[in-house]
Amino acid sequence: MTTPPTPRLLPWTSPDDKPCYLLADREGGYVARYADDVEALQLGMGTGLLEHARDLIGDPAADARQLRYLSAQLSAALRDAVRVAESRGERLGDGDTPSDQRL
């Protein structure tokens, strides 16, 4: 007896900013592999942004405009990282958090 596939939260949203899900078997497929690549890219970009933030925050010549832009970029990177963590947690069987309590 096979269990039905669990929906996978994808690392992007719909045009109206709603979560996107994929129903696929364990082997995945093209979209699952693409989602894996997007997740890796998002996490890599977040790591690079953290390195940039460390330098900018330590720069006494950094102005408010630069710091606001950095804050917006860090916020977007954190949103992506949380979505990746939720997706991976659900695929590990940790998906017992009600969807209305998620960020």
PDB file of N, CA and C in Angstrom:
ATOM      1  N   MET A   1       0.843  -1.186   0.000  1.00  0.00           N
ATOM      2  CA  MET A   1       0.000   0.000   0.000  1.00  0.00           C
ATOM      3  C   MET A   1       0.885   1.246   0.000  1.00  0.00           C
ATOM      4  N   THR A   2       0.657   2.123  -0.924  1.00  0.00           N
ATOM      5  CA  THR A   2       1.429   3.346  -1.011  1.00  0.00           C
ATOM      6  C   THR A   2       0.664   4.495  -0.380  1.00  0.00           C
ATOM      7  N   THR A   3       1.435   5.361   0.298  1.00  0.00           N
ATOM      8  CA  THR A   3       0.811   6.545   0.881  1.00  0.00           C
ATOM      9  C   THR A   3       0.815   7.653  -0.157  1.00  0.00           C
ATOM     10  N   PRO A   4      -0.215   8.474  -0.165  1.00  0.00           N
ATOM     11  CA  PRO A   4      -0.254   9.556  -1.144  1.00  0.00           C
ATOM     12  C   PRO A   4       0.867  10.556  -0.870  1.00  0.00           C
ATOM     13  N   PRO A   5       1.350  11.211  -1.908  1.00  0.00           N
ATOM     14  CA  PRO A   5       2.423  12.179  -1.704  1.00  0.00           C
ATOM     15  C   PRO A   5       1.970  13.354  -0.848  1.00  0.00           C
ATOM     16  N   THR A   6       2.882  13.849  -0.055  1.00  0.00           N
ATOM     17  CA  THR A   6       2.623  15.029   0.766  1.00  0.00           C
ATOM     18  C   THR A   6       2.953  16.269  -0.061  1.00  0.00           C
ATOM     19  N   PRO A   7       2.116  17.288  -0.030  1.00  0.00           N
ATOM     20  CA  PRO A   7       2.435  18.500  -0.793  1.00  0.00           C
ATOM     21  C   PRO A   7       3.737  19.124  -0.293  1.00  0.00           C
ATOM     22  N   ARG A   8       4.573  19.529  -1.215  1.00  0.00           N
ATOM     23  CA  ARG A   8       5.835  20.190  -0.882  1.00  0.00           C
ATOM     24  C   ARG A   8       5.675  21.688  -1.074  1.00  0.00           C
ATOM     25  N   LEU A   9       6.013  22.452  -0.035  1.00  0.00           N
ATOM     26  CA  LEU A   9       6.009  23.905  -0.139  1.00  0.00           C
ATOM     27  C   LEU A   9       7.175  24.310  -1.034  1.00  0.00           C
ATOM     28  N   LEU A  10       6.875  25.047  -2.083  1.00  0.00           N
ATOM     29  CA  LEU A  10       7.912  25.458  -3.029  1.00  0.00           C
ATOM     30  C   LEU A  10       8.548  26.781  -2.589  1.00  0.00           C
ATOM     31  N   PRO A  11       9.773  27.044  -3.043  1.00  0.00           N
ATOM     32  CA  PRO A  11      10.484  28.241  -2.590  1.00  0.00           C
ATOM     33  C   PRO A  11      10.094  29.528  -3.309  1.00  0.00           C
ATOM     34  N   TRP A  12       8.922  29.557  -3.897  1.00  0.00           N
ATOM     35  CA  TRP A  12       8.411  30.769  -4.524  1.00  0.00           C
ATOM     36  C   TRP A  12       6.918  30.864  -4.252  1.00  0.00           C
ATOM     37  N   THR A  13       6.354  32.026  -4.532  1.00  0.00           N
ATOM     38  CA  THR A  13       4.929  32.232  -4.316  1.00  0.00           C
ATOM     39  C   THR A  13       4.256  32.522  -5.652  1.00  0.00           C
ATOM     40  N   SER A  14       2.939  32.507  -5.622  1.00  0.00           N
ATOM     41  CA  SER A  14       2.155  32.839  -6.817  1.00  0.00           C
ATOM     42  C   SER A  14       2.223  34.350  -7.046  1.00  0.00           C
ATOM     43  N   PRO A  15       1.749  34.825  -8.197  1.00  0.00           N
ATOM     44  CA  PRO A  15       1.752  36.273  -8.453  1.00  0.00           C
ATOM     45  C   PRO A  15       1.008  37.084  -7.390  1.00  0.00           C
ATOM     46  N   ASP A  16       0.015  36.466  -6.722  1.00  0.00           N
ATOM     47  CA  ASP A  16      -0.694  37.188  -5.659  1.00  0.00           C
ATOM     48  C   ASP A  16      -0.138  36.830  -4.280  1.00  0.00           C
ATOM     49  N   ASP A  17       1.110  36.368  -4.238  1.00  0.00           N
ATOM     50  CA  ASP A  17       1.880  36.109  -3.017  1.00  0.00           C
ATOM     51  C   ASP A  17       1.303  34.998  -2.141  1.00  0.00           C
ATOM     52  N   LYS A  18       0.677  34.024  -2.759  1.00  0.00           N
ATOM     53  CA  LYS A  18       0.175  32.854  -2.019  1.00  0.00           C
ATOM     54  C   LYS A  18       1.190  31.727  -2.159  1.00  0.00           C
ATOM     55  N   PRO A  19       1.274  30.829  -1.161  1.00  0.00           N
ATOM     56  CA  PRO A  19       2.233  29.733  -1.250  1.00  0.00           C
ATOM     57  C   PRO A  19       1.922  28.801  -2.424  1.00  0.00           C
ATOM     58  N   CYS A  20       2.962  28.232  -2.993  1.00  0.00           N
ATOM     59  CA  CYS A  20       2.828  27.250  -4.067  1.00  0.00           C
ATOM     60  C   CYS A  20       3.276  25.893  -3.534  1.00  0.00           C
ATOM     61  N   TYR A  21       2.570  24.858  -3.939  1.00  0.00           N
ATOM     62  CA  TYR A  21       2.868  23.498  -3.497  1.00  0.00           C
ATOM     63  C   TYR A  21       3.029  22.590  -4.704  1.00  0.00           C
ATOM     64  N   LEU A  22       3.756  21.500  -4.492  1.00  0.00           N
ATOM     65  CA  LEU A  22       3.962  20.497  -5.519  1.00  0.00           C
ATOM     66  C   LEU A  22       3.589  19.135  -4.959  1.00  0.00           C
ATOM     67  N   LEU A  23       2.797  18.393  -5.719  1.00  0.00           N
ATOM     68  CA  LEU A  23       2.512  17.008  -5.371  1.00  0.00           C
ATOM     69  C   LEU A  23       3.388  16.136  -6.263  1.00  0.00           C
ATOM     70  N   ALA A  24       4.298  15.393  -5.655  1.00  0.00           N
ATOM     71  CA  ALA A  24       5.197  14.528  -6.425  1.00  0.00           C
ATOM     72  C   ALA A  24       5.547  13.315  -5.585  1.00  0.00           C
ATOM     73  N   ASP A  25       5.972  12.265  -6.252  1.00  0.00           N
ATOM     74  CA  ASP A  25       6.407  11.078  -5.512  1.00  0.00           C
ATOM     75  C   ASP A  25       7.805  11.315  -4.940  1.00  0.00           C
ATOM     76  N   ARG A  26       8.330  10.341  -4.224  1.00  0.00           N
ATOM     77  CA  ARG A  26       9.631  10.472  -3.566  1.00  0.00           C
ATOM     78  C   ARG A  26      10.774  10.789  -4.536  1.00  0.00           C
ATOM     79  N   GLU A  27      10.680  10.281  -5.770  1.00  0.00           N
ATOM     80  CA  GLU A  27      11.738  10.522  -6.740  1.00  0.00           C
ATOM     81  C   GLU A  27      11.723  11.955  -7.252  1.00  0.00           C
ATOM     82  N   GLY A  28      10.608  12.640  -7.067  1.00  0.00           N
ATOM     83  CA  GLY A  28      10.500  14.019  -7.506  1.00  0.00           C
ATOM     84  C   GLY A  28      10.295  14.102  -8.993  1.00  0.00           C
ATOM     85  N   GLY A  29      10.997  14.965  -9.610  1.00  0.00           N
ATOM     86  CA  GLY A  29      10.872  15.200 -11.037  1.00  0.00           C
ATOM     87  C   GLY A  29      11.521  16.524 -11.356  1.00  0.00           C
ATOM     88  N   TYR A  30      11.239  17.043 -12.539  1.00  0.00           N
ATOM     89  CA  TYR A  30      11.863  18.279 -12.978  1.00  0.00           C
ATOM     90  C   TYR A  30      11.577  19.445 -12.028  1.00  0.00           C
ATOM     91  N   VAL A  31      10.318  19.631 -11.664  1.00  0.00           N
ATOM     92  CA  VAL A  31       9.950  20.772 -10.812  1.00  0.00           C
ATOM     93  C   VAL A  31      10.578  20.622  -9.430  1.00  0.00           C
ATOM     94  N   ALA A  32      10.613  19.413  -8.892  1.00  0.00           N
ATOM     95  CA  ALA A  32      11.232  19.190  -7.577  1.00  0.00           C
ATOM     96  C   ALA A  32      12.728  19.501  -7.628  1.00  0.00           C
ATOM     97  N   ARG A  33      13.393  19.080  -8.702  1.00  0.00           N
ATOM     98  CA  ARG A  33      14.834  19.375  -8.831  1.00  0.00           C
ATOM     99  C   ARG A  33      15.060  20.875  -9.008  1.00  0.00           C
ATOM    100  N   TYR A  34      14.190  21.521  -9.766  1.00  0.00           N
ATOM    101  CA  TYR A  34      14.300  22.965  -9.942  1.00  0.00           C
ATOM    102  C   TYR A  34      14.098  23.681  -8.593  1.00  0.00           C
ATOM    103  N   ALA A  35      13.125  23.220  -7.818  1.00  0.00           N
ATOM    104  CA  ALA A  35      12.888  23.804  -6.492  1.00  0.00           C
ATOM    105  C   ALA A  35      14.112  23.613  -5.596  1.00  0.00           C
ATOM    106  N   ASP A  36      14.749  22.444  -5.664  1.00  0.00           N
ATOM    107  CA  ASP A  36      15.979  22.214  -4.900  1.00  0.00           C
ATOM    108  C   ASP A  36      17.051  23.222  -5.297  1.00  0.00           C
ATOM    109  N   ASP A  37      17.193  23.465  -6.605  1.00  0.00           N
ATOM    110  CA  ASP A  37      18.185  24.427  -7.090  1.00  0.00           C
ATOM    111  C   ASP A  37      17.861  25.845  -6.621  1.00  0.00           C
ATOM    112  N   VAL A  38      16.589  26.215  -6.663  1.00  0.00           N
ATOM    113  CA  VAL A  38      16.182  27.557  -6.213  1.00  0.00           C
ATOM    114  C   VAL A  38      16.457  27.709  -4.720  1.00  0.00           C
ATOM    115  N   GLU A  39      16.140  26.677  -3.929  1.00  0.00           N
ATOM    116  CA  GLU A  39      16.420  26.736  -2.488  1.00  0.00           C
ATOM    117  C   GLU A  39      17.912  26.933  -2.235  1.00  0.00           C
ATOM    118  N   ALA A  40      18.746  26.180  -2.936  1.00  0.00           N
ATOM    119  CA  ALA A  40      20.199  26.305  -2.761  1.00  0.00           C
ATOM    120  C   ALA A  40      20.664  27.704  -3.137  1.00  0.00           C
ATOM    121  N   LEU A  41      20.126  28.248  -4.220  1.00  0.00           N
ATOM    122  CA  LEU A  41      20.471  29.604  -4.645  1.00  0.00           C
ATOM    123  C   LEU A  41      20.036  30.631  -3.596  1.00  0.00           C
ATOM    124  N   GLN A  42      18.817  30.491  -3.081  1.00  0.00           N
ATOM    125  CA  GLN A  42      18.321  31.434  -2.075  1.00  0.00           C
ATOM    126  C   GLN A  42      19.190  31.402  -0.822  1.00  0.00           C
ATOM    127  N   LEU A  43      19.532  30.212  -0.359  1.00  0.00           N
ATOM    128  CA  LEU A  43      20.354  30.107   0.848  1.00  0.00           C
ATOM    129  C   LEU A  43      21.762  30.643   0.604  1.00  0.00           C
ATOM    130  N   GLY A  44      22.302  30.392  -0.575  1.00  0.00           N
ATOM    131  CA  GLY A  44      23.623  30.927  -0.915  1.00  0.00           C
ATOM    132  C   GLY A  44      23.621  32.446  -0.976  1.00  0.00           C
ATOM    133  N   MET A  45      22.569  33.014  -1.559  1.00  0.00           N
ATOM    134  CA  MET A  45      22.462  34.471  -1.624  1.00  0.00           C
ATOM    135  C   MET A  45      22.326  35.058  -0.224  1.00  0.00           C
ATOM    136  N   GLY A  46      21.583  34.375   0.649  1.00  0.00           N
ATOM    137  CA  GLY A  46      21.448  34.839   2.030  1.00  0.00           C
ATOM    138  C   GLY A  46      22.786  34.847   2.744  1.00  0.00           C
ATOM    139  N   THR A  47      23.591  33.814   2.517  1.00  0.00           N
ATOM    140  CA  THR A  47      24.926  33.752   3.128  1.00  0.00           C
ATOM    141  C   THR A  47      25.793  34.908   2.646  1.00  0.00           C
ATOM    142  N   GLY A  48      25.761  35.155   1.347  1.00  0.00           N
ATOM    143  CA  GLY A  48      26.527  36.280   0.800  1.00  0.00           C
ATOM    144  C   GLY A  48      26.051  37.617   1.351  1.00  0.00           C
ATOM    145  N   LEU A  49      24.758  37.759   1.512  1.00  0.00           N
ATOM    146  CA  LEU A  49      24.188  38.991   2.054  1.00  0.00           C
ATOM    147  C   LEU A  49      24.624  39.201   3.502  1.00  0.00           C
ATOM    148  N   LEU A  50      24.683  38.127   4.279  1.00  0.00           N
ATOM    149  CA  LEU A  50      25.156  38.243   5.663  1.00  0.00           C
ATOM    150  C   LEU A  50      26.597  38.737   5.727  1.00  0.00           C
ATOM    151  N   GLU A  51      27.425  38.242   4.824  1.00  0.00           N
ATOM    152  CA  GLU A  51      28.818  38.710   4.780  1.00  0.00           C
ATOM    153  C   GLU A  51      28.865  40.196   4.443  1.00  0.00           C
ATOM    154  N   HIS A  52      28.050  40.615   3.470  1.00  0.00           N
ATOM    155  CA  HIS A  52      27.988  42.030   3.102  1.00  0.00           C
ATOM    156  C   HIS A  52      27.477  42.871   4.277  1.00  0.00           C
ATOM    157  N   ALA A  53      26.484  42.359   4.984  1.00  0.00           N
ATOM    158  CA  ALA A  53      25.919  43.089   6.122  1.00  0.00           C
ATOM    159  C   ALA A  53      26.967  43.318   7.200  1.00  0.00           C
ATOM    160  N   ARG A  54      27.746  42.290   7.479  1.00  0.00           N
ATOM    161  CA  ARG A  54      28.794  42.423   8.499  1.00  0.00           C
ATOM    162  C   ARG A  54      29.741  43.570   8.135  1.00  0.00           C
ATOM    163  N   ASP A  55      30.124  43.651   6.870  1.00  0.00           N
ATOM    164  CA  ASP A  55      31.027  44.720   6.429  1.00  0.00           C
ATOM    165  C   ASP A  55      30.349  46.086   6.501  1.00  0.00           C
ATOM    166  N   LEU A  56      29.111  46.172   6.025  1.00  0.00           N
ATOM    167  CA  LEU A  56      28.426  47.460   5.982  1.00  0.00           C
ATOM    168  C   LEU A  56      28.114  47.977   7.377  1.00  0.00           C
ATOM    169  N   ILE A  57      27.670  47.093   8.258  1.00  0.00           N
ATOM    170  CA  ILE A  57      27.356  47.519   9.621  1.00  0.00           C
ATOM    171  C   ILE A  57      28.595  48.034  10.337  1.00  0.00           C
ATOM    172  N   GLY A  58      29.731  47.457  10.042  1.00  0.00           N
ATOM    173  CA  GLY A  58      30.978  47.892  10.666  1.00  0.00           C
ATOM    174  C   GLY A  58      31.594  49.128  10.029  1.00  0.00           C
ATOM    175  N   ASP A  59      30.999  49.629   8.961  1.00  0.00           N
ATOM    176  CA  ASP A  59      31.539  50.789   8.245  1.00  0.00           C
ATOM    177  C   ASP A  59      30.921  52.070   8.791  1.00  0.00           C
ATOM    178  N   PRO A  60      31.704  52.911   9.459  1.00  0.00           N
ATOM    179  CA  PRO A  60      31.141  54.153  10.014  1.00  0.00           C
ATOM    180  C   PRO A  60      30.667  55.125   8.932  1.00  0.00           C
ATOM    181  N   ALA A  61      31.088  54.940   7.700  1.00  0.00           N
ATOM    182  CA  ALA A  61      30.665  55.828   6.615  1.00  0.00           C
ATOM    183  C   ALA A  61      29.340  55.385   5.982  1.00  0.00           C
ATOM    184  N   ALA A  62      28.792  54.245   6.401  1.00  0.00           N
ATOM    185  CA  ALA A  62      27.522  53.766   5.841  1.00  0.00           C
ATOM    186  C   ALA A  62      26.403  54.728   6.234  1.00  0.00           C
ATOM    187  N   ASP A  63      25.595  55.097   5.247  1.00  0.00           N
ATOM    188  CA  ASP A  63      24.520  56.049   5.553  1.00  0.00           C
ATOM    189  C   ASP A  63      23.182  55.322   5.733  1.00  0.00           C
ATOM    190  N   ALA A  64      22.184  56.085   6.137  1.00  0.00           N
ATOM    191  CA  ALA A  64      20.860  55.520   6.442  1.00  0.00           C
ATOM    192  C   ALA A  64      20.247  54.841   5.212  1.00  0.00           C
ATOM    193  N   ARG A  65      20.433  55.413   4.026  1.00  0.00           N
ATOM    194  CA  ARG A  65      19.876  54.826   2.805  1.00  0.00           C
ATOM    195  C   ARG A  65      20.460  53.435   2.566  1.00  0.00           C
ATOM    196  N   GLN A  66      21.759  53.294   2.732  1.00  0.00           N
ATOM    197  CA  GLN A  66      22.410  51.993   2.552  1.00  0.00           C
ATOM    198  C   GLN A  66      21.910  50.979   3.589  1.00  0.00           C
ATOM    199  N   LEU A  67      21.756  51.434   4.818  1.00  0.00           N
ATOM    200  CA  LEU A  67      21.305  50.524   5.875  1.00  0.00           C
ATOM    201  C   LEU A  67      19.846  50.120   5.706  1.00  0.00           C
ATOM    202  N   ARG A  68      18.996  51.042   5.212  1.00  0.00           N
ATOM    203  CA  ARG A  68      17.600  50.689   4.918  1.00  0.00           C
ATOM    204  C   ARG A  68      17.535  49.653   3.799  1.00  0.00           C
ATOM    205  N   TYR A  69      18.334  49.853   2.757  1.00  0.00           N
ATOM    206  CA  TYR A  69      18.362  48.892   1.653  1.00  0.00           C
ATOM    207  C   TYR A  69      18.847  47.528   2.150  1.00  0.00           C
ATOM    208  N   LEU A  70      19.892  47.541   2.962  1.00  0.00           N
ATOM    209  CA  LEU A  70      20.401  46.294   3.541  1.00  0.00           C
ATOM    210  C   LEU A  70      19.316  45.612   4.363  1.00  0.00           C
ATOM    211  N   SER A  71      18.588  46.378   5.152  1.00  0.00           N
ATOM    212  CA  SER A  71      17.519  45.821   5.975  1.00  0.00           C
ATOM    213  C   SER A  71      16.446  45.158   5.114  1.00  0.00           C
ATOM    214  N   ALA A  72      16.068  45.788   4.019  1.00  0.00           N
ATOM    215  CA  ALA A  72      15.054  45.219   3.119  1.00  0.00           C
ATOM    216  C   ALA A  72      15.563  43.916   2.500  1.00  0.00           C
ATOM    217  N   GLN A  73      16.829  43.891   2.092  1.00  0.00           N
ATOM    218  CA  GLN A  73      17.394  42.686   1.487  1.00  0.00           C
ATOM    219  C   GLN A  73      17.519  41.559   2.512  1.00  0.00           C
ATOM    220  N   LEU A  74      17.926  41.897   3.732  1.00  0.00           N
ATOM    221  CA  LEU A  74      18.015  40.880   4.789  1.00  0.00           C
ATOM    222  C   LEU A  74      16.634  40.315   5.118  1.00  0.00           C
ATOM    223  N   SER A  75      15.621  41.172   5.109  1.00  0.00           N
ATOM    224  CA  SER A  75      14.257  40.726   5.370  1.00  0.00           C
ATOM    225  C   SER A  75      13.800  39.727   4.302  1.00  0.00           C
ATOM    226  N   ALA A  76      14.077  40.024   3.048  1.00  0.00           N
ATOM    227  CA  ALA A  76      13.700  39.113   1.959  1.00  0.00           C
ATOM    228  C   ALA A  76      14.462  37.794   2.073  1.00  0.00           C
ATOM    229  N   ALA A  77      15.737  37.851   2.410  1.00  0.00           N
ATOM    230  CA  ALA A  77      16.544  36.635   2.550  1.00  0.00           C
ATOM    231  C   ALA A  77      16.046  35.790   3.724  1.00  0.00           C
ATOM    232  N   LEU A  78      15.657  36.443   4.802  1.00  0.00           N
ATOM    233  CA  LEU A  78      15.125  35.712   5.955  1.00  0.00           C
ATOM    234  C   LEU A  78      13.792  35.049   5.602  1.00  0.00           C
ATOM    235  N   ARG A  79      12.938  35.752   4.875  1.00  0.00           N
ATOM    236  CA  ARG A  79      11.670  35.172   4.423  1.00  0.00           C
ATOM    237  C   ARG A  79      11.929  33.916   3.587  1.00  0.00           C
ATOM    238  N   ASP A  80      12.887  33.988   2.673  1.00  0.00           N
ATOM    239  CA  ASP A  80      13.226  32.825   1.842  1.00  0.00           C
ATOM    240  C   ASP A  80      13.758  31.680   2.694  1.00  0.00           C
ATOM    241  N   ALA A  81      14.631  31.980   3.647  1.00  0.00           N
ATOM    242  CA  ALA A  81      15.214  30.935   4.498  1.00  0.00           C
ATOM    243  C   ALA A  81      14.148  30.262   5.358  1.00  0.00           C
ATOM    244  N   VAL A  82      13.189  31.039   5.849  1.00  0.00           N
ATOM    245  CA  VAL A  82      12.099  30.464   6.651  1.00  0.00           C
ATOM    246  C   VAL A  82      11.252  29.540   5.778  1.00  0.00           C
ATOM    247  N   ARG A  83      10.974  29.954   4.550  1.00  0.00           N
ATOM    248  CA  ARG A  83      10.185  29.108   3.648  1.00  0.00           C
ATOM    249  C   ARG A  83      10.927  27.800   3.344  1.00  0.00           C
ATOM    250  N   VAL A  84      12.237  27.877   3.121  1.00  0.00           N
ATOM    251  CA  VAL A  84      13.032  26.668   2.874  1.00  0.00           C
ATOM    252  C   VAL A  84      12.994  25.761   4.105  1.00  0.00           C
ATOM    253  N   ALA A  85      13.164  26.344   5.292  1.00  0.00           N
ATOM    254  CA  ALA A  85      13.148  25.549   6.528  1.00  0.00           C
ATOM    255  C   ALA A  85      11.784  24.884   6.724  1.00  0.00           C
ATOM    256  N   GLU A  86      10.702  25.612   6.470  1.00  0.00           N
ATOM    257  CA  GLU A  86       9.363  25.022   6.598  1.00  0.00           C
ATOM    258  C   GLU A  86       9.196  23.860   5.623  1.00  0.00           C
ATOM    259  N   SER A  87       9.601  24.069   4.394  1.00  0.00           N
ATOM    260  CA  SER A  87       9.454  23.038   3.374  1.00  0.00           C
ATOM    261  C   SER A  87      10.250  21.793   3.739  1.00  0.00           C
ATOM    262  N   ARG A  88      11.481  21.982   4.148  1.00  0.00           N
ATOM    263  CA  ARG A  88      12.322  20.834   4.497  1.00  0.00           C
ATOM    264  C   ARG A  88      11.836  20.151   5.765  1.00  0.00           C
ATOM    265  N   GLY A  89      11.349  20.922   6.721  1.00  0.00           N
ATOM    266  CA  GLY A  89      10.810  20.339   7.944  1.00  0.00           C
ATOM    267  C   GLY A  89       9.593  19.486   7.664  1.00  0.00           C
ATOM    268  N   GLU A  90       8.723  19.969   6.788  1.00  0.00           N
ATOM    269  CA  GLU A  90       7.536  19.195   6.426  1.00  0.00           C
ATOM    270  C   GLU A  90       7.931  17.897   5.731  1.00  0.00           C
ATOM    271  N   ARG A  91       8.963  17.946   4.905  1.00  0.00           N
ATOM    272  CA  ARG A  91       9.391  16.736   4.196  1.00  0.00           C
ATOM    273  C   ARG A  91      10.075  15.745   5.127  1.00  0.00           C
ATOM    274  N   LEU A  92      10.534  16.211   6.297  1.00  0.00           N
ATOM    275  CA  LEU A  92      11.120  15.314   7.291  1.00  0.00           C
ATOM    276  C   LEU A  92      10.051  14.703   8.190  1.00  0.00           C
ATOM    277  N   GLY A  93       8.812  15.156   8.031  1.00  0.00           N
ATOM    278  CA  GLY A  93       7.744  14.670   8.888  1.00  0.00           C
ATOM    279  C   GLY A  93       7.508  15.572  10.071  1.00  0.00           C
ATOM    280  N   ASP A  94       8.106  16.762  10.052  1.00  0.00           N
ATOM    281  CA  ASP A  94       7.944  17.730  11.123  1.00  0.00           C
ATOM    282  C   ASP A  94       6.794  18.677  10.850  1.00  0.00           C
ATOM    283  N   GLY A  95       5.920  18.320   9.946  1.00  0.00           N
ATOM    284  CA  GLY A  95       4.878  19.237   9.529  1.00  0.00           C
ATOM    285  C   GLY A  95       3.679  19.269  10.445  1.00  0.00           C
ATOM    286  N   ASP A  96       3.874  19.203  11.780  1.00  0.00           N
ATOM    287  CA  ASP A  96       2.741  19.212  12.685  1.00  0.00           C
ATOM    288  C   ASP A  96       2.379  20.609  13.157  1.00  0.00           C
ATOM    289  N   THR A  97       3.032  21.654  12.596  1.00  0.00           N
ATOM    290  CA  THR A  97       2.681  23.020  12.927  1.00  0.00           C
ATOM    291  C   THR A  97       1.472  23.427  12.096  1.00  0.00           C
ATOM    292  N   PRO A  98       0.386  23.844  12.731  1.00  0.00           N
ATOM    293  CA  PRO A  98      -0.777  24.273  11.964  1.00  0.00           C
ATOM    294  C   PRO A  98      -0.411  25.407  11.024  1.00  0.00           C
ATOM    295  N   SER A  99      -0.946  25.384   9.816  1.00  0.00           N
ATOM    296  CA  SER A  99      -0.572  26.387   8.814  1.00  0.00           C
ATOM    297  C   SER A  99      -0.938  27.798   9.244  1.00  0.00           C
ATOM    298  N   ASP A 100      -1.950  27.960  10.099  1.00  0.00           N
ATOM    299  CA  ASP A 100      -2.317  29.311  10.528  1.00  0.00           C
ATOM    300  C   ASP A 100      -1.367  29.878  11.572  1.00  0.00           C
ATOM    301  N   GLN A 101      -0.423  29.076  12.077  1.00  0.00           N
ATOM    302  CA  GLN A 101       0.557  29.578  13.042  1.00  0.00           C
ATOM    303  C   GLN A 101       1.903  29.841  12.393  1.00  0.00           C
ATOM    304  N   ARG A 102       2.022  29.612  11.095  1.00  0.00           N
ATOM    305  CA  ARG A 102       3.291  29.839  10.392  1.00  0.00           C
ATOM    306  C   ARG A 102       3.501  31.308  10.134  1.00  0.00           C
ATOM    307  N   LEU A 103       4.773  31.667   9.916  1.00  0.00           N
ATOM    308  CA  LEU A 103       5.094  33.053   9.578  1.00  0.00           C
ATOM    309  C   LEU A 103       4.701  33.370   8.176  1.00  0.00           C
TER     310      LEU A 103
END
